[in-house]
N, C-alpha and C. Protein backbone atom coordinates (compact mmCIF):
# COMPACT_ATOMS: atom_id res chain seq x y z
N MET A 1 0.83 -1.31 -0.34
CA MET A 1 -0.20 0.50 -0.34
C MET A 1 1.22 1.24 0.19
N SER A 2 0.92 1.61 -1.24
CA SER A 2 1.54 2.93 -0.68
C SER A 2 0.72 4.51 -0.25
N ASP A 3 1.30 5.54 0.58
CA ASP A 3 1.29 6.74 1.09
C ASP A 3 0.31 7.73 0.14
N LYS A 4 0.83 7.33 -1.15
CA LYS A 4 -0.48 8.12 -2.05
C LYS A 4 -1.67 7.73 -2.30
N PRO A 5 -2.96 8.16 -2.42
CA PRO A 5 -4.39 7.63 -2.75
C PRO A 5 -4.14 7.61 -4.34
N ASN A 6 -4.79 6.67 -5.04
CA ASN A 6 -5.14 6.28 -6.51
C ASN A 6 -6.28 7.12 -6.77
N LEU A 7 -5.85 8.76 -7.79
CA LEU A 7 -7.52 8.69 -8.31
C LEU A 7 -7.97 9.09 -9.44
N GLU A 8 -7.05 7.57 -9.80
CA GLU A 8 -7.27 7.53 -11.24
C GLU A 8 -8.83 7.46 -11.81
N GLU A 9 -9.57 6.82 -10.82
CA GLU A 9 -11.16 6.45 -10.96
C GLU A 9 -12.01 7.73 -10.93
N VAL A 10 -11.32 8.52 -9.85
CA VAL A 10 -12.19 10.09 -9.42
C VAL A 10 -11.88 11.04 -10.70
N THR A 11 -10.62 10.73 -11.44
CA THR A 11 -10.46 11.66 -12.33
C THR A 11 -11.24 11.23 -13.45
N SER A 12 -11.37 10.00 -13.55
CA SER A 12 -12.43 9.54 -15.04
C SER A 12 -13.87 9.08 -14.55
N PHE A 13 -14.28 9.63 -13.66
CA PHE A 13 -15.96 9.62 -13.34
C PHE A 13 -16.82 10.31 -14.11
N ASP A 14 -17.82 9.66 -14.42
CA ASP A 14 -18.66 10.27 -15.36
C ASP A 14 -20.44 11.10 -14.96
N LYS A 15 -19.69 12.42 -14.36
CA LYS A 15 -21.23 12.79 -13.38
C LYS A 15 -22.52 12.63 -14.49
N THR A 16 -22.34 12.46 -15.50
CA THR A 16 -23.46 12.97 -16.28
C THR A 16 -24.51 11.19 -15.84
N LYS A 17 -23.60 10.54 -15.62
CA LYS A 17 -24.73 9.09 -15.23
C LYS A 17 -25.19 8.63 -14.35
N LEU A 18 -25.42 10.15 -13.41
CA LEU A 18 -25.93 10.21 -12.10
C LEU A 18 -27.48 10.58 -12.64
N LYS A 19 -28.29 10.19 -11.81
CA LYS A 19 -29.58 10.13 -11.96
C LYS A 19 -30.11 11.74 -11.11
N LYS A 20 -30.88 11.85 -11.49
CA LYS A 20 -31.56 13.25 -10.66
C LYS A 20 -32.55 13.12 -9.67
N THR A 21 -32.02 13.60 -8.67
CA THR A 21 -33.11 12.98 -7.24
C THR A 21 -33.10 14.42 -6.68
N GLU A 22 -34.58 14.37 -6.19
CA GLU A 22 -35.39 15.86 -5.61
C GLU A 22 -35.41 15.13 -4.12
N THR A 23 -34.36 16.27 -3.49
CA THR A 23 -34.23 15.59 -2.21
C THR A 23 -35.39 16.87 -1.00
N GLN A 24 -35.77 16.14 -0.08
CA GLN A 24 -36.94 16.46 0.38
C GLN A 24 -36.11 17.25 2.14
N GLU A 25 -36.71 17.99 2.58
CA GLU A 25 -36.02 18.26 4.02
C GLU A 25 -36.87 17.07 4.92
N LYS A 26 -36.86 16.42 5.62
CA LYS A 26 -37.57 15.57 6.71
C LYS A 26 -37.86 16.36 7.68
N ASN A 27 -37.02 16.97 8.27
CA ASN A 27 -37.70 17.60 10.06
C ASN A 27 -37.33 19.02 9.44
N PRO A 28 -37.64 19.98 8.78
CA PRO A 28 -37.49 21.16 8.70
C PRO A 28 -37.43 22.21 9.93
N LEU A 29 -36.81 23.00 10.14
CA LEU A 29 -36.90 23.62 11.97
C LEU A 29 -37.67 24.78 11.48
N PRO A 30 -38.75 24.85 12.84
CA PRO A 30 -39.14 25.73 12.54
C PRO A 30 -39.69 27.21 12.46
N SER A 31 -40.15 27.91 12.00
CA SER A 31 -40.04 29.70 11.83
C SER A 31 -40.35 29.94 13.21
N LYS A 32 -40.06 31.33 13.23
CA LYS A 32 -40.16 31.97 14.57
C LYS A 32 -42.02 32.30 15.26
N GLU A 33 -42.58 32.30 14.20
CA GLU A 33 -44.01 32.30 14.26
C GLU A 33 -44.59 30.90 14.59
N ASN A 34 -44.09 30.30 14.11
CA ASN A 34 -44.16 28.76 14.93
C ASN A 34 -44.08 28.33 16.05
N GLU A 35 -42.86 28.58 16.44
CA GLU A 35 -42.15 28.67 17.80
C GLU A 35 -43.20 29.70 18.78
N ASP A 36 -43.86 30.03 18.24
CA ASP A 36 -43.93 31.26 19.43
C ASP A 36 -45.81 30.56 19.45
N ASP A 37 -46.24 30.00 18.19
CA ASP A 37 -47.51 29.36 18.87
C ASP A 37 -47.52 27.60 19.39
N GLU A 38 -46.29 27.33 19.28
CA GLU A 38 -46.03 26.03 20.01
C GLU A 38 -46.18 26.27 21.38
N GLU A 39 -45.67 27.07 22.08
CA GLU A 39 -45.76 27.24 23.52
C GLU A 39 -46.11 26.09 24.23
N ALA A 40 -45.80 25.11 25.58
CA ALA A 40 -46.53 24.07 25.88
C ALA A 40 -47.64 24.86 27.32
N PRO A 41 -48.54 23.89 26.94
CA PRO A 41 -50.02 24.33 28.02
C PRO A 41 -49.44 24.23 28.98
N GLY A 42 -49.37 25.09 30.16
CA GLY A 42 -49.39 24.37 31.67
C GLY A 42 -48.00 25.38 32.41
N PHE A 43 -47.31 25.95 31.20
CA PHE A 43 -46.15 26.24 31.53
C PHE A 43 -46.31 28.13 31.66
N GLY A 44 -47.70 28.74 31.59
CA GLY A 44 -47.70 29.89 31.38
C GLY A 44 -46.91 30.74 30.51
N GLY A 45 -46.24 30.58 29.89
CA GLY A 45 -45.78 31.24 29.01
C GLY A 45 -43.97 31.56 29.27
N GLY A 46 -43.46 30.57 30.32
CA GLY A 46 -41.86 30.32 30.23
C GLY A 46 -41.40 31.69 31.07
N ALA A 47 -40.30 32.14 30.64
CA ALA A 47 -39.83 33.04 31.09
C ALA A 47 -39.95 34.27 31.34
N LYS A 48 -40.95 34.58 29.79
CA LYS A 48 -41.52 35.92 29.48
C LYS A 48 -42.07 36.57 30.69
N ASN A 49 -42.72 35.48 31.24
CA ASN A 49 -44.17 35.57 32.56
C ASN A 49 -43.60 35.92 33.63
N LEU A 50 -42.28 35.80 33.99
CA LEU A 50 -41.44 35.81 35.20
C LEU A 50 -41.30 37.10 35.81
N SER A 51 -41.59 37.08 36.82
CA SER A 51 -41.32 38.86 37.74
C SER A 51 -39.76 38.88 38.26
N ASP A 52 -39.24 40.14 38.33
CA ASP A 52 -38.12 40.31 39.13
C ASP A 52 -37.87 39.59 40.41
N THR A 53 -38.76 39.59 41.01
CA THR A 53 -39.43 39.25 42.74
C THR A 53 -38.77 38.09 42.78
N LEU A 54 -39.59 37.30 41.70
CA LEU A 54 -39.54 35.95 42.31
C LEU A 54 -38.02 35.41 41.67
N LEU A 55 -36.96 36.16 40.91
CA LEU A 55 -36.07 35.77 40.66
C LEU A 55 -34.77 35.18 41.45
């Protein structure tokens, strides 16, 4: 085994033989509007509703 990789197949690779594919994002990140709508019930809005006296 040599220290240098064999690049013969990489340089002779034909990209035109590849199939076209459509990528679909399976788990997209939520938008800011979705984050505000998805607040968990029973938590009272999280840190938004804390008063300074309770901290």
